[in-house]
C-alpha cells in the first residue's frame, strides 16, 4: 500500500494525532505567555528584562525563514530535532533562570525550535485534512490554550511548578509531533527542495505580505493592552477575564463551523476578516466603557482571528509551490515581526494617550485592507504565478 493510500485509509487517525499536536502545542504556548512572565517578575527580573526576553521568540520566528530559504531544508530530520530541542530548552530554563543572559539565550533557542514545528504540521494538516475540515482540527489548539489557562489559573502555586507544566506540554507535543510525521506524503530530494526554495520570492506578492504584516501589527494593542484598557475604563478585572474567555469561545465555534465558508473565494474572505478587525478596533475606540460593545467586539475575534488564520494559511498554501517555506514566512513576517512591532508601537501610543490605542489599531487594519486590494489588483494584471 502506498503512502497516499495509507493516508486515505487512516485519515481519522491522522486527524486525531494532528488535533493532539495542536492541543499540546498551544497549551505549551499558553503556559509560556500567560504564566511565565509573572514567574520571571517573581524571580527578580525587571519589567524591562521580561520585555526583552519575550521579544526573543518572535524575533527568532522572523529570522528563521531566511535561514531555511538559503541554507537549510525543512526536512523530517530537522523537524524532529526541533521538537527535541523544544523539550530540552524547557529543561534548560530550570538551570538558567538565575541569569538574565543565559535565560535570554535559552529563549532564543526555544523560539527558533517552536518556529520550525508549527509550519511543518500546518502543511501536513492542509494536505491530509483539506482546508474545509482544517478548522475542526485547529480548534483543539484553542481548547488546549484555554484549558491550561483555566487549570493553572486555579492551581499554580510556584514558579518552578510553571516550568514543570511547560516541560510536560513540550513532551506531549514531541510525542504527538513524532507520530504526525508519518502522514507527510511529500517526498522530495534535498536538491529538489533547495532548488525550489531558491526560486521563492517575497517581492512577487509584496502587497499580500505587507497586508499580513500590518494586520498583526494591529493586534499589538489587543494582546498587550486589552486588559489594561478595559479595567482603566471601569470594567472589572473579573469581567475582563470573561471577555477573554468569550472571545476564545467564539473562535472555537467558528473554527468548527467555518468549513462551508472556505469553499468561497479566499481573497474575498481575507477582505471580510480584515474588515471585521477594522470594525472591532473602532468599536473599542469609540465606546471604551461599554460592556455590551466590548462583548460585541470580542465576538468579532471569530472572524478577525479564527477565520483569518485558516484563510490566510490556505491562501499561502495555494500561492506558492514552496509550501513549507511560505508557511514559515507567514509565521515569521506576520505573527513574528508584526506581533513584535505591534507590541512596541502600542506601548508607545498608550504612553502618549491611552484613549487613542484602538483608534490607531483600526487605522493600521485599514492599511492592511488597502494593501490586500493592491495585491488583488496586481494579481489580476499579471496573472496567478504558482
Protein backbone atom coordinates (compact mmCIF):
# COMPACT_ATOMS: atom_id res chain seq x y z
CA UNK A 1 0.00 0.00 0.00
CA UNK A 2 1.43 3.39 -0.99
CA UNK A 3 1.82 6.26 1.42
CA UNK A 4 -1.06 8.05 -0.29
CA UNK A 5 -3.31 5.00 0.21
CA UNK A 6 -2.29 4.82 3.85
CA UNK A 7 -3.40 8.40 4.27
CA UNK A 8 -6.75 7.66 2.63
CA UNK A 9 -7.40 4.60 4.79
CA UNK A 10 -6.20 6.18 8.01
CA UNK A 11 -7.42 9.78 7.74
CA UNK A 12 -9.35 9.66 11.02
CA UNK A 13 -6.20 8.65 12.89
CA UNK A 14 -4.28 11.45 11.17
CA UNK A 15 -6.95 13.93 12.26
CA UNK A 16 -6.76 12.63 15.83
CA UNK A 17 -2.97 12.92 16.02
CA UNK A 18 -2.85 16.38 14.43
CA UNK A 19 -5.58 17.51 16.85
CA UNK A 20 -3.44 16.21 19.72
CA UNK A 21 -0.42 18.09 18.41
CA UNK A 22 -2.40 21.36 18.27
CA UNK A 23 -3.86 20.73 21.74
CA UNK A 24 -0.48 20.39 23.43
CA UNK A 25 1.45 22.83 21.23
CA UNK A 26 -0.90 25.69 22.07
CA UNK A 27 -1.18 24.59 25.71
CA UNK A 28 2.61 24.94 25.72
CA UNK A 29 2.23 28.43 24.23
CA UNK A 30 -0.37 29.21 26.91
CA UNK A 31 1.95 28.32 29.78
CA UNK A 32 4.76 30.29 28.17
CA UNK A 33 2.94 33.56 27.53
CA UNK A 34 0.35 33.63 30.33
CA UNK A 35 2.22 32.40 33.39
CA UNK A 36 5.97 32.60 32.82
CA UNK A 37 6.19 36.43 32.65
CA UNK A 38 4.72 36.66 36.15
CA UNK A 39 7.10 33.90 37.23
CA UNK A 40 10.06 35.90 35.96
CA UNK A 41 8.96 39.03 37.82
CA UNK A 42 8.62 36.93 40.97
CA UNK A 43 12.13 35.57 40.41
CA UNK A 44 13.74 39.02 40.44
CA UNK A 45 13.70 40.02 36.76
CA UNK A 46 12.79 43.64 35.96
CA UNK A 47 9.86 44.51 33.69
CA UNK A 48 12.31 45.67 31.01
CA UNK A 49 14.20 42.37 31.18
CA UNK A 50 10.94 40.44 30.86
CA UNK A 51 10.05 42.53 27.81
CA UNK A 52 13.42 41.79 26.19
CA UNK A 53 13.10 38.07 26.94
CA UNK A 54 9.61 37.93 25.42
CA UNK A 55 10.77 39.64 22.26
CA UNK A 56 13.22 36.77 21.69
CA UNK A 57 10.80 34.14 20.38
CA UNK A 58 9.03 36.45 17.86
CA UNK A 59 12.42 37.72 16.71
CA UNK A 60 13.60 34.17 16.02
CA UNK A 61 10.36 33.36 14.18
CA UNK A 62 11.13 36.35 11.94
CA UNK A 63 14.74 35.33 11.24
CA UNK A 64 14.12 31.61 10.81
CA UNK A 65 12.51 31.61 7.33
CA UNK A 66 15.51 33.44 5.87
CA UNK A 67 17.79 30.70 7.24
CA UNK A 68 15.66 27.98 5.65
CA UNK A 69 15.36 29.98 2.44
CA UNK A 70 19.10 29.99 1.81
CA UNK A 71 20.83 27.39 3.96
CA UNK A 72 18.68 24.57 5.36
CA UNK A 73 15.87 22.35 4.09
CA UNK A 74 12.91 21.87 6.45
CA UNK A 75 13.21 18.09 6.34
CA UNK A 76 11.83 15.35 8.58
CA UNK A 77 15.13 15.24 10.47
CA UNK A 78 15.16 18.99 11.11
CA UNK A 79 11.52 18.86 12.24
CA UNK A 80 12.23 16.02 14.70
CA UNK A 81 15.31 17.80 16.03
CA UNK A 82 13.27 20.96 16.59
CA UNK A 83 10.75 19.04 18.72
CA UNK A 84 13.56 17.54 20.80
CA UNK A 85 15.25 20.93 21.22
CA UNK A 86 11.95 22.46 22.36
CA UNK A 87 11.73 19.90 25.15
CA UNK A 88 15.41 20.22 26.07
CA UNK A 89 15.14 24.01 26.18
CA UNK A 90 12.24 23.89 28.64
CA UNK A 91 14.53 21.80 30.87
CA UNK A 92 17.32 24.31 30.28
CA UNK A 93 15.06 27.02 31.72
CA UNK A 94 15.44 25.38 35.13
CA UNK A 95 19.20 25.92 35.25
CA UNK A 96 19.35 29.33 33.53
CA UNK A 97 16.56 31.06 35.46
CA UNK A 98 19.03 32.87 37.72
CA UNK A 99 20.91 34.52 34.84
CA UNK A 100 19.31 37.06 32.50
CA UNK A 101 21.85 36.43 29.72
CA UNK A 102 21.67 32.64 29.84
CA UNK A 103 17.88 32.66 30.15
CA UNK A 104 17.64 35.01 27.14
CA UNK A 105 19.83 32.66 25.09
CA UNK A 106 17.61 29.73 26.12
CA UNK A 107 14.55 31.68 24.95
CA UNK A 108 16.16 32.45 21.60
CA UNK A 109 16.72 28.71 21.09
CA UNK A 110 13.17 27.97 22.28
CA UNK A 111 11.69 30.49 19.84
CA UNK A 112 13.65 29.02 16.93
CA UNK A 113 12.64 25.43 17.65
CA UNK A 114 8.98 26.33 18.15
CA UNK A 115 9.03 28.24 14.87
CA UNK A 116 10.09 25.13 12.93
CA UNK A 117 7.45 22.69 14.16
CA UNK A 118 4.20 24.57 13.54
CA UNK A 119 4.59 25.39 9.80
CA UNK A 120 5.62 21.77 9.16
CA UNK A 121 2.42 20.42 10.77
CA UNK A 122 0.24 23.08 9.11
CA UNK A 123 1.28 21.75 5.70
CA UNK A 124 0.51 18.15 6.70
CA UNK A 125 -2.88 19.24 8.06
CA UNK A 126 -3.86 21.13 4.90
CA UNK A 127 -2.68 18.30 2.67
CA UNK A 128 -4.30 15.43 4.60
CA UNK A 129 -7.44 17.03 6.04
CA UNK A 130 -8.23 19.79 3.49
CA UNK A 131 -8.92 23.43 4.26
CA UNK A 132 -12.68 22.80 4.68
CA UNK A 133 -12.11 20.44 7.64
CA UNK A 134 -8.98 22.15 8.94
CA UNK A 135 -10.88 24.29 11.46
CA UNK A 136 -12.32 21.24 13.24
CA UNK A 137 -8.76 20.12 13.91
CA UNK A 138 -7.18 23.52 14.60
CA UNK A 139 -9.81 24.37 17.23
CA UNK A 140 -8.10 21.91 19.57
CA UNK A 141 -5.25 24.39 19.80
CA UNK A 142 -7.68 26.95 21.19
CA UNK A 143 -9.08 24.31 23.55
CA UNK A 144 -5.58 23.48 24.82
CA UNK A 145 -4.74 27.16 25.33
CA UNK A 146 -7.98 27.76 27.25
CA UNK A 147 -7.82 24.62 29.40
CA UNK A 148 -4.25 25.25 30.53
CA UNK A 149 -5.11 28.86 31.34
CA UNK A 150 -8.12 27.86 33.44
CA UNK A 151 -6.31 24.99 35.15
CA UNK A 152 -3.11 26.82 36.06
CA UNK A 153 -5.05 29.93 36.99
CA UNK A 154 -6.58 27.88 39.80
CA UNK A 155 -3.74 25.56 40.77
CA UNK A 156 -0.36 27.15 40.01
CA UNK A 157 1.43 27.81 43.28
CA UNK A 158 5.11 28.39 42.43
CA UNK A 159 7.37 29.48 39.54
CA UNK A 160 9.08 26.09 39.37
CA UNK A 161 5.70 24.39 39.05
CA UNK A 162 5.04 26.55 36.00
CA UNK A 163 8.26 25.28 34.41
CA UNK A 164 7.20 21.71 35.19
CA UNK A 165 3.95 22.20 33.27
CA UNK A 166 5.92 23.80 30.43
CA UNK A 167 8.15 20.74 30.14
CA UNK A 168 5.16 18.37 30.35
CA UNK A 169 3.41 20.17 27.48
CA UNK A 170 6.65 20.12 25.46
CA UNK A 171 6.97 16.36 25.99
CA UNK A 172 3.39 15.75 24.86
CA UNK A 173 3.95 18.00 21.83
CA UNK A 174 7.06 15.99 20.93
CA UNK A 175 5.22 12.66 21.19
CA UNK A 176 2.30 13.74 19.00
CA UNK A 177 4.67 15.57 16.65
CA UNK A 178 6.69 12.41 16.06
CA UNK A 179 3.51 10.43 15.31
CA UNK A 180 2.15 13.07 12.93
CA UNK A 181 5.17 12.92 10.63
CA UNK A 182 4.13 9.59 9.09
CA UNK A 183 1.32 11.47 7.33
CA UNK A 184 3.69 13.75 5.42
CA UNK A 185 3.30 12.36 1.90
CA UNK A 186 5.52 14.88 0.12
CA UNK A 187 8.86 13.25 -0.56
CA UNK A 188 11.45 15.30 -2.45
CA UNK A 189 15.19 15.12 -2.69
CA UNK A 190 17.22 17.68 -0.79
CA UNK A 191 18.43 19.04 -4.11
CA UNK A 192 14.87 19.44 -5.44
CA UNK A 193 13.66 21.28 -2.35
CA UNK A 194 16.67 23.59 -2.30
CA UNK A 195 16.22 24.44 -5.98
CA UNK A 196 12.55 25.26 -5.35
CA UNK A 197 13.44 27.41 -2.35
CA UNK A 198 15.92 29.43 -4.40
CA UNK A 199 13.04 30.39 -6.71
CA UNK A 200 10.93 31.62 -3.77
CA UNK A 201 10.09 35.34 -3.96
CA UNK A 202 8.58 37.67 -1.39
CA UNK A 203 8.55 40.62 -3.78
CA UNK A 204 6.32 38.81 -6.27
CA UNK A 205 3.46 39.20 -3.79
CA UNK A 206 4.83 42.05 -1.67
CA UNK A 207 1.42 43.67 -1.14
CA UNK A 208 0.00 40.46 0.33
CA UNK A 209 2.91 40.12 2.75
CA UNK A 210 2.54 43.79 3.72
CA UNK A 211 -1.16 43.20 4.42
CA UNK A 212 -0.44 40.15 6.60
CA UNK A 213 2.25 42.06 8.50
CA UNK A 214 0.05 45.12 9.11
CA UNK A 215 -2.91 43.11 10.36
CA UNK A 216 -0.77 41.50 13.06
CA UNK A 217 0.67 44.91 13.95
CA UNK A 218 -2.93 45.98 14.61
CA UNK A 219 -3.28 43.16 17.15
CA UNK A 220 -0.42 44.54 19.27
CA UNK A 221 -2.70 46.75 21.34
CA UNK A 222 -5.19 43.95 21.89
CA UNK A 223 -2.78 41.27 23.07
CA UNK A 224 -0.78 43.55 25.32
CA UNK A 225 -3.19 46.27 26.47
CA UNK A 226 -6.77 45.00 26.22
CA UNK A 227 -6.97 44.08 29.92
CA UNK A 228 -5.33 47.36 30.98
CA UNK A 229 -7.58 49.38 28.62
CA UNK A 230 -10.82 47.78 29.78
CA UNK A 231 -10.06 47.99 33.51
CA UNK A 232 -8.97 51.62 33.11
CA UNK A 233 -12.40 52.33 31.60
CA UNK A 234 -14.35 50.91 34.53
CA UNK A 235 -14.75 47.24 33.58
CA UNK A 236 -13.65 44.93 36.39
CA UNK A 237 -10.73 42.54 36.07
CA UNK A 238 -13.06 39.57 36.59
CA UNK A 239 -15.39 40.74 33.83
CA UNK A 240 -12.41 41.37 31.56
CA UNK A 241 -11.34 37.75 32.07
CA UNK A 242 -14.84 36.72 30.94
CA UNK A 243 -14.36 38.87 27.84
CA UNK A 244 -11.15 36.99 27.01
CA UNK A 245 -12.89 33.64 27.51
CA UNK A 246 -15.85 34.72 25.38
CA UNK A 247 -13.52 35.68 22.53
CA UNK A 248 -11.83 32.26 22.62
CA UNK A 249 -15.24 30.54 22.73
CA UNK A 250 -16.33 32.43 19.61
CA UNK A 251 -13.03 31.44 18.00
CA UNK A 252 -13.62 27.75 18.74
CA UNK A 253 -17.20 27.85 17.40
CA UNK A 254 -16.12 29.41 14.10
CA UNK A 255 -13.20 27.00 13.73
CA UNK A 256 -15.75 24.19 13.94
CA UNK A 257 -18.32 25.61 11.53
CA UNK A 258 -16.12 27.50 9.05
CA UNK A 259 -15.80 24.65 6.52
CA UNK A 260 -18.55 25.78 4.10
CA UNK A 261 -17.15 29.33 4.09
CA UNK A 262 -13.80 28.10 2.81
CA UNK A 263 -15.37 26.93 -0.44
CA UNK A 264 -15.71 30.60 -1.37
CA UNK A 265 -13.03 32.85 -2.86
CA UNK A 266 -10.16 33.08 -0.37
CA UNK A 267 -9.25 36.68 -1.21
CA UNK A 268 -12.85 37.75 -0.62
CA UNK A 269 -12.78 36.02 2.77
CA UNK A 270 -9.49 37.74 3.63
CA UNK A 271 -11.07 41.12 2.88
CA UNK A 272 -14.06 40.20 5.07
CA UNK A 273 -11.89 39.15 8.01
CA UNK A 274 -9.68 42.25 7.83
CA UNK A 275 -12.79 44.44 7.65
CA UNK A 276 -14.04 42.75 10.81
CA UNK A 277 -10.76 43.73 12.52
CA UNK A 278 -11.20 47.37 11.42
CA UNK A 279 -14.71 47.40 12.92
CA UNK A 280 -13.57 45.54 16.05
CA UNK A 281 -10.85 48.02 16.99
CA UNK A 282 -13.06 51.01 16.03
CA UNK A 283 -15.78 49.81 18.42
CA UNK A 284 -13.32 49.65 21.32
CA UNK A 285 -12.06 53.12 20.45
CA UNK A 286 -15.49 54.73 20.13
CA UNK A 287 -17.16 53.02 23.12
CA UNK A 288 -14.37 52.33 25.65
CA UNK A 289 -16.62 51.98 28.71
CA UNK A 290 -19.46 49.94 27.18
CA UNK A 291 -19.55 46.31 28.30
CA UNK A 292 -22.07 45.44 25.58
CA UNK A 293 -19.79 46.83 22.89
CA UNK A 294 -16.82 45.05 24.45
CA UNK A 295 -18.63 41.71 24.10
CA UNK A 296 -19.64 42.60 20.54
CA UNK A 297 -16.01 43.41 19.78
CA UNK A 298 -14.85 40.11 21.25
CA UNK A 299 -17.39 38.20 19.17
CA UNK A 300 -15.54 39.50 16.10
CA UNK A 301 -12.48 37.56 17.27
CA UNK A 302 -14.13 34.63 15.48
CA UNK A 303 -13.63 36.42 12.16
CA UNK A 304 -10.58 38.64 12.69
CA UNK A 305 -8.53 35.78 14.16
CA UNK A 306 -10.06 32.30 13.70
CA UNK A 307 -11.38 32.66 10.16
CA UNK A 308 -8.48 34.89 9.10
CA UNK A 309 -5.95 32.36 10.37
CA UNK A 310 -7.42 29.47 8.40
CA UNK A 311 -7.97 31.52 5.26
CA UNK A 312 -4.51 33.09 5.24
CA UNK A 313 -2.63 29.79 5.65
CA UNK A 314 -4.86 28.25 2.97
CA UNK A 315 -4.22 31.19 0.65
CA UNK A 316 -0.44 31.00 1.15
CA UNK A 317 -0.67 27.24 0.54
CA UNK A 318 -2.29 27.94 -2.84
CA UNK A 319 0.01 30.86 -3.69
CA UNK A 320 3.41 29.14 -3.56
CA UNK A 321 4.86 25.82 -4.62
CA UNK A 322 7.43 26.16 -1.79
CA UNK A 323 4.70 25.48 0.75
CA UNK A 324 6.70 24.86 3.94
CA UNK A 325 8.92 27.87 3.38
CA UNK A 326 5.88 30.05 2.63
CA UNK A 327 4.20 28.96 5.88
CA UNK A 328 7.40 29.78 7.78
CA UNK A 329 7.42 33.27 6.30
CA UNK A 330 3.76 33.71 7.21
CA UNK A 331 4.56 32.83 10.82
CA UNK A 332 7.74 34.92 10.81
CA UNK A 333 6.76 38.09 8.99
CA UNK A 334 3.20 38.45 10.29
CA UNK A 335 2.82 36.74 13.66
CA UNK A 336 6.52 37.19 14.50
CA UNK A 337 7.69 40.57 13.23
CA UNK A 338 4.19 42.02 13.04
CA UNK A 339 3.42 40.98 16.59
CA UNK A 340 6.68 42.45 17.90
CA UNK A 341 6.30 45.76 16.08
CA UNK A 342 2.66 45.93 17.15
CA UNK A 343 3.55 45.45 20.81
CA UNK A 344 6.21 48.18 20.75
CA UNK A 345 4.03 50.61 18.78
CA UNK A 346 1.02 50.00 21.04
CA UNK A 347 3.13 50.67 24.14
CA UNK A 348 4.42 53.90 22.67
CA UNK A 349 0.92 55.14 21.74
CA UNK A 350 -0.55 54.05 25.08
CA UNK A 351 2.15 56.02 26.88
CA UNK A 352 1.28 59.18 24.91
CA UNK A 353 -2.53 58.90 25.03
CA UNK A 354 -4.15 55.62 26.06
CA UNK A 355 -7.51 56.61 24.53
CA UNK A 356 -6.04 56.51 21.02
CA UNK A 357 -4.66 52.99 21.07
CA UNK A 358 -7.54 51.18 19.39
CA UNK A 359 -8.20 54.06 17.02
CA UNK A 360 -4.62 53.56 15.83
CA UNK A 361 -5.15 49.78 15.57
CA UNK A 362 -8.26 50.32 13.42
CA UNK A 363 -6.30 52.64 11.10
CA UNK A 364 -3.49 50.07 10.74
CA UNK A 365 -6.02 47.33 9.94
CA UNK A 366 -7.45 49.67 7.27
CA UNK A 367 -3.96 49.97 5.74
CA UNK A 368 -3.81 46.15 5.76
CA UNK A 369 -7.06 46.03 3.78
CA UNK A 370 -5.75 48.59 1.27
CA UNK A 371 -2.59 46.52 0.81
CA UNK A 372 -4.71 43.41 0.16
CA UNK A 373 -6.74 45.24 -2.50
CA UNK A 374 -3.42 46.27 -4.07
CA UNK A 375 -2.33 42.63 -4.09
CA UNK A 376 -5.59 41.56 -5.73
CA UNK A 377 -5.25 44.25 -8.38
CA UNK A 378 -1.66 43.24 -9.18
CA UNK A 379 -2.57 39.54 -9.44
CA UNK A 380 -5.36 40.34 -11.89
CA UNK A 381 -2.91 42.32 -14.03
CA UNK A 382 -0.02 39.88 -14.08
CA UNK A 383 -1.96 36.63 -13.63
CA UNK A 384 -1.52 33.98 -10.97
CA UNK A 385 2.00 32.60 -10.84
CA UNK A 386 2.41 29.43 -8.72
